């Protein structure tokens, strides 16, 4: 009669050192590629806020024009690009990001004429945004 030995060794579970090192290398490569894209998003944020305020100014100008055309006691008079800020809901330009300030470059607008070249600036930022304003007495 033959006695059969039962092995007491069970297969070990887990990862090998090579597998762990490969995972760390892949994570390092991914982070080296991705991190620079997310480090300095402030320029993108400033541009987005500048374009958002420019869009709000264009919309406020169009709404103001319609309101004044319907009844001259509503809205504000717009004879210059800088007057459009008064047509915003707050009646003035909002505060900029990080303590910066928005400003509008002065440019005359004739009554019932559209100026598509009104320029919005953000202090300390080289890029500007252009918005449309319509003059109304």
C-alpha atoms as a PDB file:
ATOM      1  CA  UNK A   1       0.000   0.000   0.000  1.00  0.00           C
ATOM      2  CA  UNK A   2       1.297   3.332  -1.039  1.00  0.00           C
ATOM      3  CA  UNK A   3       0.898   6.402   1.150  1.00  0.00           C
ATOM      4  CA  UNK A   4       0.168   9.521  -0.701  1.00  0.00           C
ATOM      5  CA  UNK A   5       1.631  12.656   0.716  1.00  0.00           C
ATOM      6  CA  UNK A   6      -0.583  15.672   0.954  1.00  0.00           C
ATOM      7  CA  UNK A   7       1.339  18.831   0.400  1.00  0.00           C
ATOM      8  CA  UNK A   8       0.962  21.436   3.071  1.00  0.00           C
ATOM      9  CA  UNK A   9       2.110  24.211   0.738  1.00  0.00           C
ATOM     10  CA  UNK A  10      -0.596  26.463  -0.564  1.00  0.00           C
ATOM     11  CA  UNK A  11      -0.083  28.880  -3.433  1.00  0.00           C
ATOM     12  CA  UNK A  12       0.812  32.314  -2.107  1.00  0.00           C
ATOM     13  CA  UNK A  13      -1.479  35.193  -3.064  1.00  0.00           C
ATOM     14  CA  UNK A  14      -0.423  38.773  -3.692  1.00  0.00           C
ATOM     15  CA  UNK A  15       1.697  40.784  -6.057  1.00  0.00           C
ATOM     16  CA  UNK A  16       5.307  40.294  -6.961  1.00  0.00           C
ATOM     17  CA  UNK A  17       7.860  43.024  -6.482  1.00  0.00           C
ATOM     18  CA  UNK A  18       8.108  43.498 -10.259  1.00  0.00           C
ATOM     19  CA  UNK A  19       4.355  44.069 -10.553  1.00  0.00           C
ATOM     20  CA  UNK A  20       4.425  46.669  -7.772  1.00  0.00           C
ATOM     21  CA  UNK A  21       7.360  48.499  -9.345  1.00  0.00           C
ATOM     22  CA  UNK A  22       5.619  48.553 -12.734  1.00  0.00           C
ATOM     23  CA  UNK A  23       2.486  50.067 -11.200  1.00  0.00           C
ATOM     24  CA  UNK A  24       4.582  52.753  -9.491  1.00  0.00           C
ATOM     25  CA  UNK A  25       6.366  53.542 -12.782  1.00  0.00           C
ATOM     26  CA  UNK A  26       3.037  53.877 -14.616  1.00  0.00           C
ATOM     27  CA  UNK A  27       1.646  56.189 -11.906  1.00  0.00           C
ATOM     28  CA  UNK A  28       4.824  58.295 -12.013  1.00  0.00           C
ATOM     29  CA  UNK A  29       4.601  58.681 -15.792  1.00  0.00           C
ATOM     30  CA  UNK A  30       0.917  59.619 -15.670  1.00  0.00           C
ATOM     31  CA  UNK A  31       1.493  62.192 -12.934  1.00  0.00           C
ATOM     32  CA  UNK A  32       4.487  63.681 -14.773  1.00  0.00           C
ATOM     33  CA  UNK A  33       2.297  64.228 -17.832  1.00  0.00           C
ATOM     34  CA  UNK A  34      -0.898  65.354 -16.069  1.00  0.00           C
ATOM     35  CA  UNK A  35       0.341  67.584 -13.243  1.00  0.00           C
ATOM     36  CA  UNK A  36       1.772  70.399 -15.420  1.00  0.00           C
ATOM     37  CA  UNK A  37      -1.614  70.745 -17.109  1.00  0.00           C
ATOM     38  CA  UNK A  38      -3.310  71.426 -13.768  1.00  0.00           C
ATOM     39  CA  UNK A  39      -0.643  73.375 -11.922  1.00  0.00           C
ATOM     40  CA  UNK A  40      -1.369  76.850 -13.274  1.00  0.00           C
ATOM     41  CA  UNK A  41      -4.997  77.187 -14.260  1.00  0.00           C
ATOM     42  CA  UNK A  42      -5.155  80.847 -13.169  1.00  0.00           C
ATOM     43  CA  UNK A  43      -4.708  82.180 -16.718  1.00  0.00           C
ATOM     44  CA  UNK A  44      -7.575  80.022 -17.960  1.00  0.00           C
ATOM     45  CA  UNK A  45      -9.720  81.146 -15.028  1.00  0.00           C
ATOM     46  CA  UNK A  46      -8.972  84.819 -15.709  1.00  0.00           C
ATOM     47  CA  UNK A  47      -9.793  84.422 -19.388  1.00  0.00           C
ATOM     48  CA  UNK A  48     -13.049  82.633 -18.561  1.00  0.00           C
ATOM     49  CA  UNK A  49     -14.087  85.329 -16.079  1.00  0.00           C
ATOM     50  CA  UNK A  50     -13.167  88.072 -18.559  1.00  0.00           C
ATOM     51  CA  UNK A  51     -15.256  86.447 -21.305  1.00  0.00           C
ATOM     52  CA  UNK A  52     -18.115  85.864 -18.852  1.00  0.00           C
ATOM     53  CA  UNK A  53     -18.247  89.521 -17.833  1.00  0.00           C
ATOM     54  CA  UNK A  54     -17.986  90.593 -21.487  1.00  0.00           C
ATOM     55  CA  UNK A  55     -20.956  88.354 -22.312  1.00  0.00           C
ATOM     56  CA  UNK A  56     -22.914  89.820 -19.400  1.00  0.00           C
ATOM     57  CA  UNK A  57     -22.146  93.337 -20.655  1.00  0.00           C
ATOM     58  CA  UNK A  58     -23.346  92.496 -24.183  1.00  0.00           C
ATOM     59  CA  UNK A  59     -26.531  90.993 -22.801  1.00  0.00           C
ATOM     60  CA  UNK A  60     -27.105  93.919 -20.428  1.00  0.00           C
ATOM     61  CA  UNK A  61     -26.637  96.364 -23.286  1.00  0.00           C
ATOM     62  CA  UNK A  62     -29.199  94.587 -25.478  1.00  0.00           C
ATOM     63  CA  UNK A  63     -31.711  94.340 -22.617  1.00  0.00           C
ATOM     64  CA  UNK A  64     -31.134  97.981 -21.690  1.00  0.00           C
ATOM     65  CA  UNK A  65     -31.660  99.066 -25.300  1.00  0.00           C
ATOM     66  CA  UNK A  66     -34.972  97.195 -25.493  1.00  0.00           C
ATOM     67  CA  UNK A  67     -36.146  98.587 -22.147  1.00  0.00           C
ATOM     68  CA  UNK A  68     -35.281 102.203 -23.054  1.00  0.00           C
ATOM     69  CA  UNK A  69     -36.792 101.847 -26.519  1.00  0.00           C
ATOM     70  CA  UNK A  70     -40.072 100.715 -24.938  1.00  0.00           C
ATOM     71  CA  UNK A  71     -40.036 103.375 -22.200  1.00  0.00           C
ATOM     72  CA  UNK A  72     -37.364 106.067 -21.952  1.00  0.00           C
ATOM     73  CA  UNK A  73     -37.643 106.171 -18.148  1.00  0.00           C
ATOM     74  CA  UNK A  74     -36.311 102.594 -17.865  1.00  0.00           C
ATOM     75  CA  UNK A  75     -32.678 101.540 -18.110  1.00  0.00           C
ATOM     76  CA  UNK A  76     -29.666 103.809 -18.470  1.00  0.00           C
ATOM     77  CA  UNK A  77     -28.454 106.154 -21.177  1.00  0.00           C
ATOM     78  CA  UNK A  78     -25.624 104.647 -23.212  1.00  0.00           C
ATOM     79  CA  UNK A  79     -23.447 107.084 -25.157  1.00  0.00           C
ATOM     80  CA  UNK A  80     -20.101 105.450 -24.369  1.00  0.00           C
ATOM     81  CA  UNK A  81     -18.860 101.914 -23.854  1.00  0.00           C
ATOM     82  CA  UNK A  82     -18.223 102.724 -20.187  1.00  0.00           C
ATOM     83  CA  UNK A  83     -21.946 103.479 -19.663  1.00  0.00           C
ATOM     84  CA  UNK A  84     -22.878  99.822 -20.256  1.00  0.00           C
ATOM     85  CA  UNK A  85     -21.611  98.853 -16.782  1.00  0.00           C
ATOM     86  CA  UNK A  86     -24.564 100.782 -15.340  1.00  0.00           C
ATOM     87  CA  UNK A  87     -26.928  98.456 -17.194  1.00  0.00           C
ATOM     88  CA  UNK A  88     -25.679  95.432 -15.250  1.00  0.00           C
ATOM     89  CA  UNK A  89     -27.943  94.160 -12.483  1.00  0.00           C
ATOM     90  CA  UNK A  90     -25.571  95.473  -9.776  1.00  0.00           C
ATOM     91  CA  UNK A  91     -25.210  98.780 -11.639  1.00  0.00           C
ATOM     92  CA  UNK A  92     -21.418  98.448 -11.820  1.00  0.00           C
ATOM     93  CA  UNK A  93     -18.668  96.060 -12.828  1.00  0.00           C
ATOM     94  CA  UNK A  94     -18.025  93.254 -10.322  1.00  0.00           C
ATOM     95  CA  UNK A  95     -14.766  92.759  -8.444  1.00  0.00           C
ATOM     96  CA  UNK A  96     -12.179  90.787 -10.357  1.00  0.00           C
ATOM     97  CA  UNK A  97     -10.458  87.575  -9.305  1.00  0.00           C
ATOM     98  CA  UNK A  98      -7.729  87.880  -6.676  1.00  0.00           C
ATOM     99  CA  UNK A  99      -8.339  91.571  -6.038  1.00  0.00           C
ATOM    100  CA  UNK A 100      -7.955  92.570  -9.698  1.00  0.00           C
ATOM    101  CA  UNK A 101     -10.367  95.088 -11.198  1.00  0.00           C
ATOM    102  CA  UNK A 102     -12.300  95.190 -14.445  1.00  0.00           C
ATOM    103  CA  UNK A 103     -12.345  98.329 -16.570  1.00  0.00           C
ATOM    104  CA  UNK A 104     -13.914  99.313 -19.876  1.00  0.00           C
ATOM    105  CA  UNK A 105     -12.000 101.305 -22.473  1.00  0.00           C
ATOM    106  CA  UNK A 106     -13.908 104.486 -23.333  1.00  0.00           C
ATOM    107  CA  UNK A 107     -15.335 104.687 -26.859  1.00  0.00           C
ATOM    108  CA  UNK A 108     -18.245 106.792 -28.062  1.00  0.00           C
ATOM    109  CA  UNK A 109     -21.411 105.127 -29.317  1.00  0.00           C
ATOM    110  CA  UNK A 110     -23.914 107.005 -31.456  1.00  0.00           C
ATOM    111  CA  UNK A 111     -27.602 106.782 -30.464  1.00  0.00           C
ATOM    112  CA  UNK A 112     -29.336 103.725 -31.962  1.00  0.00           C
ATOM    113  CA  UNK A 113     -25.997 102.496 -33.310  1.00  0.00           C
ATOM    114  CA  UNK A 114     -24.127  99.344 -32.330  1.00  0.00           C
ATOM    115  CA  UNK A 115     -20.467  99.399 -31.368  1.00  0.00           C
ATOM    116  CA  UNK A 116     -18.997  95.917 -31.548  1.00  0.00           C
ATOM    117  CA  UNK A 117     -15.583  97.090 -30.426  1.00  0.00           C
ATOM    118  CA  UNK A 118     -16.056  97.888 -26.744  1.00  0.00           C
ATOM    119  CA  UNK A 119     -13.081  96.489 -24.826  1.00  0.00           C
ATOM    120  CA  UNK A 120     -13.111  94.991 -21.328  1.00  0.00           C
ATOM    121  CA  UNK A 121      -9.803  94.857 -19.428  1.00  0.00           C
ATOM    122  CA  UNK A 122      -8.688  93.032 -16.294  1.00  0.00           C
ATOM    123  CA  UNK A 123      -5.930  94.748 -14.308  1.00  0.00           C
ATOM    124  CA  UNK A 124      -2.659  92.830 -14.353  1.00  0.00           C
ATOM    125  CA  UNK A 125      -3.777  90.624 -17.231  1.00  0.00           C
ATOM    126  CA  UNK A 126      -2.617  91.220 -20.793  1.00  0.00           C
ATOM    127  CA  UNK A 127      -5.640  89.707 -22.584  1.00  0.00           C
ATOM    128  CA  UNK A 128      -8.814  91.706 -23.212  1.00  0.00           C
ATOM    129  CA  UNK A 129     -12.344  90.765 -24.194  1.00  0.00           C
ATOM    130  CA  UNK A 130     -14.575  92.554 -26.694  1.00  0.00           C
ATOM    131  CA  UNK A 131     -18.295  93.075 -26.162  1.00  0.00           C
ATOM    132  CA  UNK A 132     -21.126  94.687 -28.126  1.00  0.00           C
ATOM    133  CA  UNK A 133     -22.907  97.782 -26.913  1.00  0.00           C
ATOM    134  CA  UNK A 134     -25.830  99.674 -28.453  1.00  0.00           C
ATOM    135  CA  UNK A 135     -26.186 103.398 -27.864  1.00  0.00           C
ATOM    136  CA  UNK A 136     -29.500 104.768 -26.615  1.00  0.00           C
ATOM    137  CA  UNK A 137     -30.250 108.289 -25.401  1.00  0.00           C
END
